[in-house]
Amino acid sequence: MLGRPFDASRAAQLGLVTQVVPDQSLLATATETARALAEKPAAAVQACKRLMKRALREQLEQAVKLENEVFAERVRSDDAKEAFMAFSHA
């Protein structure tokens, strides 16, 4: 919420990435990962990707809906009214 930058190890701690590797190992690790995925049944990998994308899309749609509801609620609050008045008199 504070918008502070963080490094790769912190991203791993937060669960935002699955693996952190040194720069010199990046290409080899990516190639190994791609090879392992390529060995899996293509239809199963495609189905998994489709399900993951769908879940993310649905979560995003729900999050946007909730954000709009909360924004509508907050914009009518006394705090918002005070801020609008202060801005209009500036």
N, C-alpha and C. Protein backbone atom coordinates (compact mmCIF):
# COMPACT_ATOMS: atom_id res chain seq x y z
N MET A 1 0.82 -1.19 0.00
CA MET A 1 0.00 0.00 0.00
C MET A 1 0.86 1.25 0.00
N LEU A 2 2.11 1.12 0.42
CA LEU A 2 2.98 2.28 0.48
C LEU A 2 3.75 2.51 -0.82
N GLY A 3 3.71 1.54 -1.71
CA GLY A 3 4.39 1.70 -2.99
C GLY A 3 5.90 1.64 -2.89
N ARG A 4 6.41 0.99 -1.86
CA ARG A 4 7.87 0.90 -1.70
C ARG A 4 8.42 -0.21 -2.58
N PRO A 5 9.53 0.07 -3.25
CA PRO A 5 10.14 -0.98 -4.08
C PRO A 5 10.73 -2.09 -3.21
N PHE A 6 10.85 -3.28 -3.80
CA PHE A 6 11.48 -4.39 -3.07
C PHE A 6 12.26 -5.24 -4.06
N ASP A 7 13.20 -6.03 -3.52
CA ASP A 7 14.06 -6.84 -4.37
C ASP A 7 13.45 -8.22 -4.61
N ALA A 8 14.16 -9.04 -5.38
CA ALA A 8 13.66 -10.35 -5.77
C ALA A 8 13.45 -11.27 -4.58
N SER A 9 14.35 -11.22 -3.60
CA SER A 9 14.18 -12.11 -2.44
C SER A 9 12.92 -11.74 -1.66
N ARG A 10 12.60 -10.47 -1.57
CA ARG A 10 11.37 -10.05 -0.90
C ARG A 10 10.15 -10.49 -1.72
N ALA A 11 10.25 -10.41 -3.04
CA ALA A 11 9.16 -10.88 -3.90
C ALA A 11 8.90 -12.36 -3.66
N ALA A 12 9.95 -13.12 -3.46
CA ALA A 12 9.80 -14.55 -3.17
C ALA A 12 9.13 -14.75 -1.81
N GLN A 13 9.53 -13.97 -0.82
CA GLN A 13 8.91 -14.06 0.51
C GLN A 13 7.42 -13.76 0.44
N LEU A 14 7.04 -12.83 -0.41
CA LEU A 14 5.64 -12.43 -0.56
C LEU A 14 4.85 -13.39 -1.43
N GLY A 15 5.53 -14.34 -2.05
CA GLY A 15 4.85 -15.29 -2.92
C GLY A 15 4.54 -14.75 -4.30
N LEU A 16 5.22 -13.69 -4.69
CA LEU A 16 4.98 -13.09 -6.00
C LEU A 16 5.75 -13.78 -7.11
N VAL A 17 6.80 -14.49 -6.75
CA VAL A 17 7.59 -15.26 -7.71
C VAL A 17 7.81 -16.65 -7.13
N THR A 18 8.07 -17.61 -8.00
CA THR A 18 8.26 -18.99 -7.53
C THR A 18 9.72 -19.32 -7.29
N GLN A 19 10.62 -18.57 -7.89
CA GLN A 19 12.03 -18.88 -7.75
C GLN A 19 12.86 -17.64 -8.03
N VAL A 20 13.96 -17.50 -7.29
CA VAL A 20 14.91 -16.43 -7.51
C VAL A 20 16.26 -17.08 -7.81
N VAL A 21 16.87 -16.67 -8.91
CA VAL A 21 18.16 -17.25 -9.30
C VAL A 21 19.15 -16.12 -9.58
N PRO A 22 20.43 -16.42 -9.45
CA PRO A 22 21.44 -15.41 -9.80
C PRO A 22 21.36 -15.07 -11.29
N ASP A 23 21.76 -13.87 -11.64
CA ASP A 23 21.70 -13.42 -13.04
C ASP A 23 22.36 -14.42 -13.99
N GLN A 24 23.51 -14.95 -13.59
CA GLN A 24 24.26 -15.85 -14.48
C GLN A 24 23.55 -17.19 -14.68
N SER A 25 22.57 -17.52 -13.85
CA SER A 25 21.81 -18.78 -13.98
C SER A 25 20.45 -18.58 -14.63
N LEU A 26 20.11 -17.35 -14.92
CA LEU A 26 18.75 -17.06 -15.39
C LEU A 26 18.39 -17.81 -16.66
N LEU A 27 19.21 -17.71 -17.70
CA LEU A 27 18.89 -18.35 -18.97
C LEU A 27 18.81 -19.86 -18.82
N ALA A 28 19.75 -20.45 -18.12
CA ALA A 28 19.74 -21.90 -17.93
C ALA A 28 18.51 -22.35 -17.16
N THR A 29 18.15 -21.61 -16.12
CA THR A 29 16.98 -21.95 -15.32
C THR A 29 15.70 -21.80 -16.14
N ALA A 30 15.61 -20.72 -16.91
CA ALA A 30 14.43 -20.51 -17.75
C ALA A 30 14.32 -21.60 -18.80
N THR A 31 15.44 -21.99 -19.39
CA THR A 31 15.44 -23.05 -20.40
C THR A 31 15.02 -24.37 -19.78
N GLU A 32 15.54 -24.67 -18.60
CA GLU A 32 15.18 -25.90 -17.90
C GLU A 32 13.69 -25.92 -17.56
N THR A 33 13.17 -24.80 -17.11
CA THR A 33 11.74 -24.71 -16.80
C THR A 33 10.89 -24.89 -18.05
N ALA A 34 11.29 -24.24 -19.13
CA ALA A 34 10.55 -24.36 -20.39
C ALA A 34 10.60 -25.81 -20.89
N ARG A 35 11.74 -26.44 -20.77
CA ARG A 35 11.87 -27.84 -21.21
C ARG A 35 10.95 -28.75 -20.39
N ALA A 36 10.92 -28.54 -19.06
CA ALA A 36 10.07 -29.35 -18.18
C ALA A 36 8.60 -29.16 -18.54
N LEU A 37 8.20 -27.92 -18.82
CA LEU A 37 6.82 -27.67 -19.23
C LEU A 37 6.51 -28.31 -20.58
N ALA A 38 7.48 -28.25 -21.50
CA ALA A 38 7.26 -28.81 -22.84
C ALA A 38 7.09 -30.33 -22.79
N GLU A 39 7.61 -30.97 -21.76
CA GLU A 39 7.48 -32.42 -21.62
C GLU A 39 6.11 -32.83 -21.09
N LYS A 40 5.37 -31.89 -20.57
CA LYS A 40 4.03 -32.18 -20.05
C LYS A 40 3.04 -32.28 -21.21
N PRO A 41 1.92 -32.97 -20.99
CA PRO A 41 0.91 -33.04 -22.05
C PRO A 41 0.39 -31.63 -22.38
N ALA A 42 0.47 -31.28 -23.65
CA ALA A 42 0.11 -29.92 -24.08
C ALA A 42 -1.32 -29.55 -23.70
N ALA A 43 -2.25 -30.45 -23.89
CA ALA A 43 -3.65 -30.14 -23.59
C ALA A 43 -3.85 -29.87 -22.10
N ALA A 44 -3.14 -30.60 -21.26
CA ALA A 44 -3.25 -30.39 -19.81
C ALA A 44 -2.66 -29.04 -19.41
N VAL A 45 -1.53 -28.69 -20.00
CA VAL A 45 -0.91 -27.38 -19.71
C VAL A 45 -1.83 -26.26 -20.17
N GLN A 46 -2.41 -26.41 -21.36
CA GLN A 46 -3.33 -25.40 -21.87
C GLN A 46 -4.55 -25.26 -20.96
N ALA A 47 -5.07 -26.37 -20.49
CA ALA A 47 -6.24 -26.33 -19.60
C ALA A 47 -5.89 -25.63 -18.29
N CYS A 48 -4.72 -25.93 -17.75
CA CYS A 48 -4.28 -25.27 -16.51
C CYS A 48 -4.14 -23.77 -16.70
N LYS A 49 -3.52 -23.37 -17.81
CA LYS A 49 -3.36 -21.94 -18.09
C LYS A 49 -4.71 -21.26 -18.22
N ARG A 50 -5.63 -21.92 -18.92
CA ARG A 50 -6.98 -21.36 -19.11
C ARG A 50 -7.67 -21.17 -17.76
N LEU A 51 -7.55 -22.17 -16.88
CA LEU A 51 -8.18 -22.07 -15.56
C LEU A 51 -7.54 -20.98 -14.71
N MET A 52 -6.21 -20.88 -14.76
CA MET A 52 -5.52 -19.84 -13.97
C MET A 52 -5.91 -18.45 -14.46
N LYS A 53 -5.95 -18.27 -15.78
CA LYS A 53 -6.33 -16.97 -16.34
C LYS A 53 -7.77 -16.63 -15.97
N ARG A 54 -8.64 -17.64 -16.03
CA ARG A 54 -10.04 -17.40 -15.69
C ARG A 54 -10.17 -16.98 -14.24
N ALA A 55 -9.48 -17.69 -13.35
CA ALA A 55 -9.55 -17.35 -11.93
C ALA A 55 -9.04 -15.94 -11.69
N LEU A 56 -7.93 -15.58 -12.33
CA LEU A 56 -7.39 -14.22 -12.16
C LEU A 56 -8.36 -13.18 -12.70
N ARG A 57 -8.95 -13.47 -13.88
CA ARG A 57 -9.90 -12.52 -14.49
C ARG A 57 -11.12 -12.33 -13.59
N GLU A 58 -11.63 -13.45 -13.05
CA GLU A 58 -12.80 -13.35 -12.18
C GLU A 58 -12.47 -12.61 -10.89
N GLN A 59 -11.28 -12.87 -10.34
CA GLN A 59 -10.88 -12.14 -9.14
C GLN A 59 -10.74 -10.66 -9.43
N LEU A 60 -10.18 -10.33 -10.60
CA LEU A 60 -10.02 -8.93 -10.97
C LEU A 60 -11.39 -8.27 -11.14
N GLU A 61 -12.31 -8.96 -11.80
CA GLU A 61 -13.65 -8.41 -11.99
C GLU A 61 -14.33 -8.17 -10.65
N GLN A 62 -14.20 -9.11 -9.72
CA GLN A 62 -14.78 -8.94 -8.39
C GLN A 62 -14.11 -7.79 -7.64
N ALA A 63 -12.78 -7.69 -7.79
CA ALA A 63 -12.05 -6.63 -7.11
C ALA A 63 -12.46 -5.26 -7.64
N VAL A 64 -12.62 -5.15 -8.95
CA VAL A 64 -13.04 -3.87 -9.55
C VAL A 64 -14.44 -3.50 -9.09
N LYS A 65 -15.32 -4.49 -9.05
CA LYS A 65 -16.69 -4.23 -8.58
C LYS A 65 -16.67 -3.73 -7.14
N LEU A 66 -15.92 -4.40 -6.28
CA LEU A 66 -15.82 -3.98 -4.88
C LEU A 66 -15.17 -2.60 -4.76
N GLU A 67 -14.14 -2.37 -5.56
CA GLU A 67 -13.48 -1.06 -5.54
C GLU A 67 -14.46 0.05 -5.91
N ASN A 68 -15.28 -0.18 -6.92
CA ASN A 68 -16.28 0.81 -7.32
C ASN A 68 -17.31 1.05 -6.22
N GLU A 69 -17.73 -0.03 -5.56
CA GLU A 69 -18.69 0.12 -4.47
C GLU A 69 -18.10 0.92 -3.31
N VAL A 70 -16.86 0.61 -2.95
CA VAL A 70 -16.22 1.31 -1.84
C VAL A 70 -15.96 2.77 -2.23
N PHE A 71 -15.53 3.00 -3.48
CA PHE A 71 -15.31 4.37 -3.92
C PHE A 71 -16.60 5.18 -3.85
N ALA A 72 -17.69 4.60 -4.33
CA ALA A 72 -18.99 5.30 -4.28
C ALA A 72 -19.37 5.62 -2.84
N GLU A 73 -19.08 4.69 -1.95
CA GLU A 73 -19.37 4.92 -0.53
C GLU A 73 -18.48 6.02 0.04
N ARG A 74 -17.19 5.97 -0.28
CA ARG A 74 -16.24 6.94 0.27
C ARG A 74 -16.45 8.33 -0.30
N VAL A 75 -16.83 8.44 -1.56
CA VAL A 75 -16.99 9.74 -2.19
C VAL A 75 -18.16 10.51 -1.57
N ARG A 76 -19.08 9.78 -0.93
CA ARG A 76 -20.21 10.43 -0.27
C ARG A 76 -19.94 10.69 1.22
N SER A 77 -18.74 10.35 1.69
CA SER A 77 -18.43 10.49 3.11
C SER A 77 -18.20 11.95 3.49
N ASP A 78 -18.26 12.22 4.78
CA ASP A 78 -17.99 13.56 5.29
C ASP A 78 -16.56 13.98 4.97
N ASP A 79 -15.62 13.04 5.04
CA ASP A 79 -14.23 13.36 4.72
C ASP A 79 -14.11 13.83 3.27
N ALA A 80 -14.78 13.13 2.36
CA ALA A 80 -14.71 13.51 0.95
C ALA A 80 -15.35 14.87 0.72
N LYS A 81 -16.49 15.10 1.35
CA LYS A 81 -17.16 16.39 1.20
C LYS A 81 -16.25 17.52 1.68
N GLU A 82 -15.58 17.29 2.79
CA GLU A 82 -14.66 18.30 3.33
C GLU A 82 -13.50 18.53 2.36
N ALA A 83 -12.98 17.46 1.79
CA ALA A 83 -11.87 17.59 0.84
C ALA A 83 -12.31 18.34 -0.42
N PHE A 84 -13.50 18.04 -0.93
CA PHE A 84 -14.02 18.73 -2.11
C PHE A 84 -14.20 20.22 -1.84
N MET A 85 -14.71 20.53 -0.65
CA MET A 85 -14.90 21.93 -0.29
C MET A 85 -13.56 22.65 -0.18
N ALA A 86 -12.59 22.01 0.44
CA ALA A 86 -11.27 22.63 0.58
C ALA A 86 -10.64 22.85 -0.79
N PHE A 87 -10.79 21.87 -1.68
CA PHE A 87 -10.22 22.00 -3.02
C PHE A 87 -10.90 23.12 -3.80
N SER A 88 -12.20 23.22 -3.68
CA SER A 88 -12.92 24.23 -4.46
C SER A 88 -12.67 25.65 -3.95
N HIS A 89 -12.22 25.78 -2.71
CA HIS A 89 -11.91 27.10 -2.15
C HIS A 89 -10.44 27.45 -2.25
N ALA A 90 -9.65 26.57 -2.84
CA ALA A 90 -8.20 26.81 -2.94
C ALA A 90 -7.88 27.72 -4.10
